[in-house]
C-alpha atoms as a PDB file:
ATOM      1  CA  MET A   1       0.000   0.000   0.000  1.00  0.00           C
ATOM      2  CA  LYS A   2       2.810   2.387   0.933  1.00  0.00           C
ATOM      3  CA  ASN A   3       4.550   1.658  -2.374  1.00  0.00           C
ATOM      4  CA  LYS A   4       1.372   2.512  -4.314  1.00  0.00           C
ATOM      5  CA  ILE A   5       1.032   5.806  -2.469  1.00  0.00           C
ATOM      6  CA  MET A   6       4.685   6.664  -3.090  1.00  0.00           C
ATOM      7  CA  ASN A   7       4.372   5.814  -6.784  1.00  0.00           C
ATOM      8  CA  PHE A   8       1.282   8.031  -7.061  1.00  0.00           C
ATOM      9  CA  VAL A   9       3.035  10.953  -5.350  1.00  0.00           C
ATOM     10  CA  ILE A  10       6.110  10.601  -7.567  1.00  0.00           C
ATOM     11  CA  SER A  11       3.951  10.449 -10.716  1.00  0.00           C
ATOM     12  CA  PHE A  12       1.975  13.515  -9.645  1.00  0.00           C
ATOM     13  CA  LEU A  13       5.103  15.542  -8.901  1.00  0.00           C
ATOM     14  CA  LEU A  14       6.650  14.546 -12.230  1.00  0.00           C
ATOM     15  CA  LEU A  15       3.524  15.579 -14.141  1.00  0.00           C
ATOM     16  CA  PHE A  16       3.365  18.858 -12.196  1.00  0.00           C
ATOM     17  CA  SER A  17       6.993  19.704 -12.962  1.00  0.00           C
ATOM     18  CA  LEU A  18       6.601  18.866 -16.653  1.00  0.00           C
ATOM     19  CA  SER A  19       3.537  21.102 -16.972  1.00  0.00           C
ATOM     20  CA  PHE A  20       5.490  24.053 -15.618  1.00  0.00           C
ATOM     21  CA  SER A  21       8.367  23.436 -18.020  1.00  0.00           C
ATOM     22  CA  PHE A  22       6.072  24.455 -20.901  1.00  0.00           C
ATOM     23  CA  MET A  23       4.771  27.633 -19.234  1.00  0.00           C
ATOM     24  CA  PRO A  24       6.165  31.153 -19.694  1.00  0.00           C
ATOM     25  CA  ASN A  25       7.841  32.956 -16.824  1.00  0.00           C
ATOM     26  CA  ILE A  26       4.751  32.937 -14.610  1.00  0.00           C
ATOM     27  CA  SER A  27       5.035  32.856 -10.841  1.00  0.00           C
ATOM     28  CA  LEU A  28       2.606  33.310  -8.012  1.00  0.00           C
ATOM     29  CA  ALA A  29       3.862  36.903  -7.818  1.00  0.00           C
ATOM     30  CA  GLU A  30       3.500  38.128 -11.411  1.00  0.00           C
ATOM     31  CA  VAL A  31       2.898  37.259 -15.052  1.00  0.00           C
ATOM     32  CA  ASP A  32       5.964  37.902 -17.236  1.00  0.00           C
ATOM     33  CA  PHE A  33       6.114  36.567 -20.801  1.00  0.00           C
ATOM     34  CA  ASP A  34       9.378  38.345 -21.672  1.00  0.00           C
ATOM     35  CA  GLN A  35       9.936  37.423 -25.366  1.00  0.00           C
ATOM     36  CA  ASP A  36       7.291  34.685 -25.630  1.00  0.00           C
ATOM     37  CA  ILE A  37       5.062  36.587 -28.044  1.00  0.00           C
ATOM     38  CA  ALA A  38       2.724  33.727 -28.972  1.00  0.00           C
ATOM     39  CA  SER A  39       1.942  32.847 -25.356  1.00  0.00           C
ATOM     40  CA  ALA A  40       1.509  36.524 -24.477  1.00  0.00           C
ATOM     41  CA  ARG A  41      -1.040  36.996 -27.261  1.00  0.00           C
ATOM     42  CA  ALA A  42      -2.992  33.877 -26.302  1.00  0.00           C
ATOM     43  CA  TRP A  43      -3.040  34.808 -22.620  1.00  0.00           C
ATOM     44  CA  ALA A  44      -4.120  38.413 -23.273  1.00  0.00           C
ATOM     45  CA  ASP A  45      -6.909  37.385 -25.648  1.00  0.00           C
ATOM     46  CA  ASN A  46      -8.246  35.033 -22.997  1.00  0.00           C
ATOM     47  CA  ALA A  47      -7.763  37.316 -19.974  1.00  0.00           C
ATOM     48  CA  PHE A  48      -9.102  40.534 -21.536  1.00  0.00           C
ATOM     49  CA  LYS A  49     -12.405  40.544 -23.413  1.00  0.00           C
ATOM     50  CA  LEU A  50     -12.364  43.871 -25.239  1.00  0.00           C
ATOM     51  CA  THR A  51     -16.064  44.396 -25.891  1.00  0.00           C
ATOM     52  CA  GLU A  52     -17.375  43.491 -22.427  1.00  0.00           C
ATOM     53  CA  GLY A  53     -19.286  46.472 -21.028  1.00  0.00           C
ATOM     54  CA  LEU A  54     -18.381  48.836 -23.877  1.00  0.00           C
ATOM     55  CA  SER A  55     -20.794  50.781 -26.061  1.00  0.00           C
ATOM     56  CA  ASN A  56     -20.349  51.085 -29.821  1.00  0.00           C
ATOM     57  CA  ASP A  57     -19.262  54.713 -29.386  1.00  0.00           C
ATOM     58  CA  GLU A  58     -16.606  53.696 -26.859  1.00  0.00           C
ATOM     59  CA  ILE A  59     -15.264  51.002 -29.188  1.00  0.00           C
ATOM     60  CA  ASN A  60     -15.172  53.450 -32.105  1.00  0.00           C
ATOM     61  CA  ASN A  61     -13.303  56.012 -29.991  1.00  0.00           C
ATOM     62  CA  LEU A  62     -10.759  53.366 -28.971  1.00  0.00           C
ATOM     63  CA  LYS A  63     -10.232  52.558 -32.658  1.00  0.00           C
ATOM     64  CA  ARG A  64      -9.691  56.252 -33.396  1.00  0.00           C
ATOM     65  CA  TYR A  65      -7.251  56.523 -30.497  1.00  0.00           C
ATOM     66  CA  THR A  66      -5.132  53.562 -31.623  1.00  0.00           C
ATOM     67  CA  GLY A  67      -5.114  54.939 -35.167  1.00  0.00           C
ATOM     68  CA  ALA A  68      -4.296  58.598 -35.729  1.00  0.00           C
ATOM     69  CA  LYS A  69      -5.516  60.160 -32.488  1.00  0.00           C
ATOM     70  CA  TYR A  70      -3.115  58.857 -29.816  1.00  0.00           C
ATOM     71  CA  ASP A  71      -0.310  61.367 -30.414  1.00  0.00           C
ATOM     72  CA  GLU A  72      -2.592  64.409 -30.314  1.00  0.00           C
ATOM     73  CA  VAL A  73      -4.354  63.157 -27.179  1.00  0.00           C
ATOM     74  CA  ASN A  74      -1.248  62.286 -25.199  1.00  0.00           C
ATOM     75  CA  THR A  75       0.588  65.474 -26.145  1.00  0.00           C
ATOM     76  CA  TYR A  76      -2.460  67.439 -24.967  1.00  0.00           C
ATOM     77  CA  LEU A  77      -2.568  65.545 -21.658  1.00  0.00           C
ATOM     78  CA  ARG A  78       1.173  65.911 -21.001  1.00  0.00           C
ATOM     79  CA  GLU A  79       1.349  69.597 -21.866  1.00  0.00           C
ATOM     80  CA  ASN A  80      -1.658  70.425 -19.676  1.00  0.00           C
ATOM     81  CA  SER A  81      -0.927  67.990 -16.820  1.00  0.00           C
ATOM     82  CA  GLY A  82      -4.234  66.285 -17.587  1.00  0.00           C
ATOM     83  CA  LYS A  83      -6.226  69.488 -17.033  1.00  0.00           C
ATOM     84  CA  GLY A  84      -6.672  70.995 -20.492  1.00  0.00           C
ATOM     85  CA  THR A  85      -9.628  73.201 -21.426  1.00  0.00           C
ATOM     86  CA  ASP A  86     -10.419  71.900 -24.928  1.00  0.00           C
ATOM     87  CA  ASN A  87     -13.975  70.629 -24.452  1.00  0.00           C
ATOM     88  CA  LYS A  88     -13.993  68.503 -27.601  1.00  0.00           C
ATOM     89  CA  LEU A  89     -10.736  66.775 -26.710  1.00  0.00           C
ATOM     90  CA  ASN A  90     -11.808  66.410 -23.087  1.00  0.00           C
ATOM     91  CA  THR A  91     -14.954  64.567 -24.171  1.00  0.00           C
ATOM     92  CA  PHE A  92     -12.841  62.178 -26.226  1.00  0.00           C
ATOM     93  CA  VAL A  93     -10.338  61.712 -23.373  1.00  0.00           C
ATOM     94  CA  ASP A  94     -13.172  61.000 -20.931  1.00  0.00           C
ATOM     95  CA  SER A  95     -14.530  58.320 -23.262  1.00  0.00           C
ATOM     96  CA  ILE A  96     -11.159  56.537 -23.427  1.00  0.00           C
ATOM     97  CA  THR A  97     -10.660  56.917 -19.667  1.00  0.00           C
ATOM     98  CA  THR A  98     -14.071  55.430 -18.888  1.00  0.00           C
ATOM     99  CA  SER A  99     -13.563  52.570 -21.334  1.00  0.00           C
ATOM    100  CA  ILE A 100     -10.204  51.518 -19.885  1.00  0.00           C
ATOM    101  CA  SER A 101     -11.509  51.805 -16.320  1.00  0.00           C
ATOM    102  CA  LYS A 102     -13.894  48.932 -17.091  1.00  0.00           C
ATOM    103  CA  SER A 103     -10.961  46.553 -17.616  1.00  0.00           C
ATOM    104  CA  LYS A 104      -8.644  45.501 -14.767  1.00  0.00           C
ATOM    105  CA  ALA A 105      -5.444  43.479 -14.708  1.00  0.00           C
ATOM    106  CA  PRO A 106      -6.418  40.014 -13.405  1.00  0.00           C
ATOM    107  CA  ASP A 107      -2.922  39.418 -11.995  1.00  0.00           C
ATOM    108  CA  ASP A 108       0.274  41.303 -11.264  1.00  0.00           C
ATOM    109  CA  LEU A 109       1.736  41.866 -14.743  1.00  0.00           C
ATOM    110  CA  VAL A 110       5.117  42.719 -16.221  1.00  0.00           C
ATOM    111  CA  LEU A 111       4.691  45.029 -19.214  1.00  0.00           C
ATOM    112  CA  TYR A 112       7.201  46.389 -21.711  1.00  0.00           C
ATOM    113  CA  ARG A 113       7.510  49.721 -23.458  1.00  0.00           C
ATOM    114  CA  ARG A 114      10.227  51.183 -25.695  1.00  0.00           C
ATOM    115  CA  VAL A 115      10.935  54.918 -25.405  1.00  0.00           C
ATOM    116  CA  THR A 116      13.634  57.366 -26.425  1.00  0.00           C
ATOM    117  CA  GLU A 117      15.786  59.417 -24.093  1.00  0.00           C
ATOM    118  CA  GLN A 118      13.469  62.361 -24.812  1.00  0.00           C
ATOM    119  CA  GLN A 119      11.170  60.988 -22.100  1.00  0.00           C
ATOM    120  CA  PHE A 120      13.970  61.770 -19.658  1.00  0.00           C
ATOM    121  CA  GLY A 121      14.780  65.266 -20.912  1.00  0.00           C
ATOM    122  CA  LEU A 122      17.577  64.494 -23.391  1.00  0.00           C
ATOM    123  CA  ASP A 123      17.667  65.012 -27.141  1.00  0.00           C
ATOM    124  CA  TYR A 124      17.237  62.028 -29.432  1.00  0.00           C
ATOM    125  CA  GLY A 125      20.655  60.459 -30.007  1.00  0.00           C
ATOM    126  CA  ASP A 126      22.229  61.856 -26.832  1.00  0.00           C
ATOM    127  CA  LEU A 127      22.061  58.566 -24.945  1.00  0.00           C
ATOM    128  CA  ARG A 128      23.033  56.300 -27.855  1.00  0.00           C
ATOM    129  CA  PRO A 129      24.274  57.249 -31.350  1.00  0.00           C
ATOM    130  CA  THR A 130      21.732  56.712 -34.103  1.00  0.00           C
ATOM    131  CA  SER A 131      24.334  55.009 -36.310  1.00  0.00           C
ATOM    132  CA  GLY A 132      27.765  53.453 -36.091  1.00  0.00           C
ATOM    133  CA  ASN A 133      28.762  52.637 -32.530  1.00  0.00           C
ATOM    134  CA  PHE A 134      25.554  51.700 -30.707  1.00  0.00           C
ATOM    135  CA  LYS A 135      27.016  52.159 -27.236  1.00  0.00           C
ATOM    136  CA  ILE A 136      25.333  53.903 -24.320  1.00  0.00           C
ATOM    137  CA  ASN A 137      26.860  57.229 -23.306  1.00  0.00           C
ATOM    138  CA  LYS A 138      27.497  56.575 -19.623  1.00  0.00           C
ATOM    139  CA  ASP A 139      27.738  60.266 -18.744  1.00  0.00           C
ATOM    140  CA  LYS A 140      24.294  60.911 -20.228  1.00  0.00           C
ATOM    141  CA  LEU A 141      22.922  57.849 -18.477  1.00  0.00           C
ATOM    142  CA  GLN A 142      24.237  59.184 -15.187  1.00  0.00           C
ATOM    143  CA  GLU A 143      22.417  62.474 -15.844  1.00  0.00           C
ATOM    144  CA  ILE A 144      19.172  60.533 -16.197  1.00  0.00           C
ATOM    145  CA  LYS A 145      19.833  58.470 -13.074  1.00  0.00           C
ATOM    146  CA  ASP A 146      20.668  61.541 -11.001  1.00  0.00           C
ATOM    147  CA  LYS A 147      17.307  63.066 -11.893  1.00  0.00           C
ATOM    148  CA  TYR A 148      14.951  60.074 -12.062  1.00  0.00           C
ATOM    149  CA  GLU A 149      16.296  57.073 -10.155  1.00  0.00           C
ATOM    150  CA  HIS A 150      13.855  56.098  -7.360  1.00  0.00           C
ATOM    151  CA  GLN A 151      11.671  59.107  -8.174  1.00  0.00           C
ATOM    152  CA  ILE A 152       7.862  59.051  -8.310  1.00  0.00           C
ATOM    153  CA  VAL A 153       6.216  61.025 -11.118  1.00  0.00           C
ATOM    154  CA  ASP A 154       2.630  61.689 -12.206  1.00  0.00           C
ATOM    155  CA  HIS A 155       1.684  60.035 -15.490  1.00  0.00           C
ATOM    156  CA  HIS A 156      -1.029  62.239 -16.966  1.00  0.00           C
ATOM    157  CA  ASN A 157      -1.381  60.525 -20.339  1.00  0.00           C
ATOM    158  CA  PHE A 158      -2.401  57.057 -21.480  1.00  0.00           C
ATOM    159  CA  MET A 159       0.475  54.587 -21.732  1.00  0.00           C
ATOM    160  CA  SER A 160       0.834  52.047 -24.517  1.00  0.00           C
ATOM    161  CA  THR A 161       2.611  48.892 -23.385  1.00  0.00           C
ATOM    162  CA  SER A 162       3.077  45.323 -24.541  1.00  0.00           C
ATOM    163  CA  LEU A 163       2.801  42.047 -22.679  1.00  0.00           C
ATOM    164  CA  ALA A 164       5.925  40.811 -24.514  1.00  0.00           C
ATOM    165  CA  ARG A 165       9.297  42.484 -24.959  1.00  0.00           C
ATOM    166  CA  ASP A 166       9.811  43.950 -28.443  1.00  0.00           C
ATOM    167  CA  PRO A 167       6.910  42.134 -30.180  1.00  0.00           C
ATOM    168  CA  HIS A 168       7.998  43.716 -33.465  1.00  0.00           C
ATOM    169  CA  GLN A 169      11.623  43.584 -34.629  1.00  0.00           C
ATOM    170  CA  SER A 170      11.741  47.341 -35.292  1.00  0.00           C
ATOM    171  CA  PHE A 171      11.103  48.240 -31.653  1.00  0.00           C
ATOM    172  CA  GLY A 172      14.647  47.900 -30.324  1.00  0.00           C
ATOM    173  CA  GLY A 173      16.367  49.476 -33.309  1.00  0.00           C
ATOM    174  CA  ARG A 174      15.482  53.135 -32.825  1.00  0.00           C
ATOM    175  CA  GLN A 175      14.709  53.453 -29.124  1.00  0.00           C
ATOM    176  CA  ALA A 176      17.545  53.099 -26.647  1.00  0.00           C
ATOM    177  CA  ILE A 177      15.416  52.599 -23.531  1.00  0.00           C
ATOM    178  CA  LEU A 178      13.251  49.651 -22.538  1.00  0.00           C
ATOM    179  CA  LEU A 179      10.821  50.208 -19.681  1.00  0.00           C
ATOM    180  CA  LYS A 180      10.107  47.012 -17.757  1.00  0.00           C
ATOM    181  CA  ILE A 181       6.918  47.905 -15.924  1.00  0.00           C
ATOM    182  CA  LYS A 182       5.282  46.126 -13.030  1.00  0.00           C
ATOM    183  CA  ALA A 183       1.519  46.670 -13.007  1.00  0.00           C
ATOM    184  CA  PRO A 184      -0.253  45.393  -9.876  1.00  0.00           C
ATOM    185  CA  LYS A 185      -3.426  43.354 -10.015  1.00  0.00           C
ATOM    186  CA  GLY A 186      -6.393  45.682 -10.475  1.00  0.00           C
ATOM    187  CA  THR A 187      -4.534  48.224 -12.625  1.00  0.00           C
ATOM    188  CA  GLU A 188      -6.895  49.785 -15.176  1.00  0.00           C
ATOM    189  CA  ILE A 189      -5.558  48.320 -18.404  1.00  0.00           C
ATOM    190  CA  MET A 190      -7.158  47.229 -21.664  1.00  0.00           C
ATOM    191  CA  ASN A 191      -6.086  44.842 -24.410  1.00  0.00           C
ATOM    192  CA  VAL A 192      -6.686  46.838 -27.604  1.00  0.00           C
ATOM    193  CA  SER A 193      -4.628  44.703 -29.991  1.00  0.00           C
ATOM    194  CA  SER A 194      -7.715  43.312 -31.753  1.00  0.00           C
ATOM    195  CA  ILE A 195      -8.870  46.781 -32.852  1.00  0.00           C
ATOM    196  CA  SER A 196      -5.503  48.517 -33.127  1.00  0.00           C
ATOM    197  CA  LYS A 197      -4.102  49.755 -36.420  1.00  0.00           C
ATOM    198  CA  TYR A 198      -0.937  47.908 -35.360  1.00  0.00           C
ATOM    199  CA  PRO A 199      -2.099  44.529 -33.950  1.00  0.00           C
ATOM    200  CA  GLU A 200       1.441  43.126 -34.043  1.00  0.00           C
ATOM    201  CA  GLN A 201       2.336  45.430 -31.133  1.00  0.00           C
ATOM    202  CA  LEU A 202       0.222  43.379 -28.678  1.00  0.00           C
ATOM    203  CA  GLU A 203      -0.881  46.663 -27.151  1.00  0.00           C
ATOM    204  CA  LEU A 204      -2.161  46.853 -23.597  1.00  0.00           C
ATOM    205  CA  LEU A 205      -3.326  50.397 -22.896  1.00  0.00           C
ATOM    206  CA  VAL A 206      -2.822  51.652 -19.334  1.00  0.00           C
ATOM    207  CA  ASN A 207      -5.207  54.322 -18.100  1.00  0.00           C
ATOM    208  CA  ARG A 208      -4.061  57.846 -17.327  1.00  0.00           C
ATOM    209  CA  GLY A 209      -3.790  59.273 -13.830  1.00  0.00           C
ATOM    210  CA  TYR A 210      -1.341  56.838 -12.253  1.00  0.00           C
ATOM    211  CA  LYS A 211       1.861  57.633 -10.423  1.00  0.00           C
ATOM    212  CA  ILE A 212       4.899  55.657 -11.550  1.00  0.00           C
ATOM    213  CA  ARG A 213       8.216  55.056  -9.818  1.00  0.00           C
ATOM    214  CA  TYR A 214      11.485  54.716 -11.725  1.00  0.00           C
ATOM    215  CA  ASN A 215      13.685  52.191  -9.946  1.00  0.00           C
ATOM    216  CA  THR A 216      16.858  50.868 -11.592  1.00  0.00           C
ATOM    217  CA  PHE A 217      18.691  51.878 -14.790  1.00  0.00           C
ATOM    218  CA  ASN A 218      20.950  49.160 -16.228  1.00  0.00           C
ATOM    219  CA  ILE A 219      22.815  48.798 -19.527  1.00  0.00           C
ATOM    220  CA  LYS A 220      21.868  45.694 -21.527  1.00  0.00           C
ATOM    221  CA  GLU A 221      22.847  44.440 -24.987  1.00  0.00           C
ATOM    222  CA  ASN A 222      20.865  42.879 -27.809  1.00  0.00           C
ATOM    223  CA  GLY A 223      22.074  42.122 -31.317  1.00  0.00           C
ATOM    224  CA  GLY A 224      25.200  44.226 -30.900  1.00  0.00           C
ATOM    225  CA  LYS A 225      23.269  47.264 -29.674  1.00  0.00           C
ATOM    226  CA  GLU A 226      23.366  48.497 -26.111  1.00  0.00           C
ATOM    227  CA  TYR A 227      20.207  49.791 -24.491  1.00  0.00           C
ATOM    228  CA  VAL A 228      19.084  50.839 -21.022  1.00  0.00           C
ATOM    229  CA  GLU A 229      16.543  48.739 -19.154  1.00  0.00           C
ATOM    230  CA  VAL A 230      14.564  50.785 -16.651  1.00  0.00           C
ATOM    231  CA  THR A 231      12.473  48.989 -14.047  1.00  0.00           C
ATOM    232  CA  VAL A 232       9.250  50.841 -13.296  1.00  0.00           C
ATOM    233  CA  ASP A 233       6.396  50.363 -10.828  1.00  0.00           C
ATOM    234  CA  ILE A 234       2.848  51.543 -11.475  1.00  0.00           C
ATOM    235  CA  LEU A 235       1.534  52.620  -8.088  1.00  0.00           C
ATOM    236  CA  PRO A 236      -2.079  51.825  -7.172  1.00  0.00           C
ATOM    237  CA  LYS A 237      -4.480  54.763  -7.209  1.00  0.00           C
ATOM    238  CA  GLY A 238      -5.836  56.148  -3.979  1.00  0.00           C
END
């Protein structure tokens, strides 16, 4: 009898360990697909049902946002600290805000976003040359760290992210900074990849109005090009 029980336990543990060997980097703490694009897409499509609770007008506005509208909207929100006075734009912003608020992260997530050094107050090309020697300028990186490391900032605009790192091969070529963002369970975030003009980006759209904390800034390398990986926390509202 004891041998049967032991054999059952061993078989169960073996099956359990094999099942985890085929899973992405998912722990009890967070969901992180890193470069596993196919698994990220499948998980997001299952975890986020885009049309649940949305009106036709809200869906149409999300389509407009992911098309030609996102740059105008986010520039407006940044330049006015989220308190602009353009009634027409405010109505559109409110629609997007309300839509995203209906969708919450079901788990703690790790998200990815490529940006240029302009987000940190430098000119494009200051941190890494745009041609030739793709090495990070350590003096410029130190300038960024001195100003932003461990700092909390208000994020007034919507934030486009991806559930996988560099889902399109062009992402890492032009932008020298990769934000690795931890979004806690309950973060207002919507999977818009099915209606986006650029579905290959696996876009998860984070709502405006969060505070974010910049943590570490480390030089990494991919395909002969150096880049800076910045770890970021989205802080819960309230």
